[in-house]
Amino acid sequence: MWGTRVRDHDFEIQMSSLNIAAAESKERAAKLEKEAQEAHLETERLKQTMAWRAIDQITAQKIITTLSKAPHKALIAYTANDPEASFLAVQLSRIFELAHWTTFVQSRTYPGSMIFGITILPSENSATKLVQETLSEAKIPFLANDIPRQFFSITEDGSEQADVTIIIGSKHPNF
């Protein structure tokens, strides 16, 4: 009988220790799960921060459909030495070409200035208004204001004949 009580007491102590260890393991697992979820969210945030701007296929088709109703000439300029801005300018140029617009692509430098986002130079002509309305409907953010004069640009011939000028600046930093 004495041996049974010692054995039962020892069993209870071991079970208690195992229950405590199991609880601690569950706490560690929950903490690791939370850390994994936070790491996943941070990874997704970084992906969005670092991702290049791009116009998805559905949005591109809507833009093409709208712009093709009244083709014009567009100058699409981008910040020189910025591959992300260059990529978006080329994509936008291709969309305009598919809408039967004549496009001119231009690389520009702006000494002493940083150009961010998309800017449509102000003009009262119908081409500028059409592009502004089209980009607004497509939920592509842009500014409609003047920018500093560029110092240097590389362009295709005929760009001075453009009805609308779109400037693709660098991607806005997230800070």
Foldseek 3Di string as FASTA:
>chain_A
DVVVVVVVVVVVVVVVVVVVVVVVVVVVVVVVVVVVVVVVVVVVVVCVQPPADDQDPVLLVLLLVQQLVDAFEEEEEEEPPAVSLVVRSVRVCVSSVSSVHHYKYKYFHAPPDADEFKEKEDDPDPNSVSVVVSCVVSVRDYHHYDDDDTDDMDIDPPNVRGPIYMYHGHYDHDD
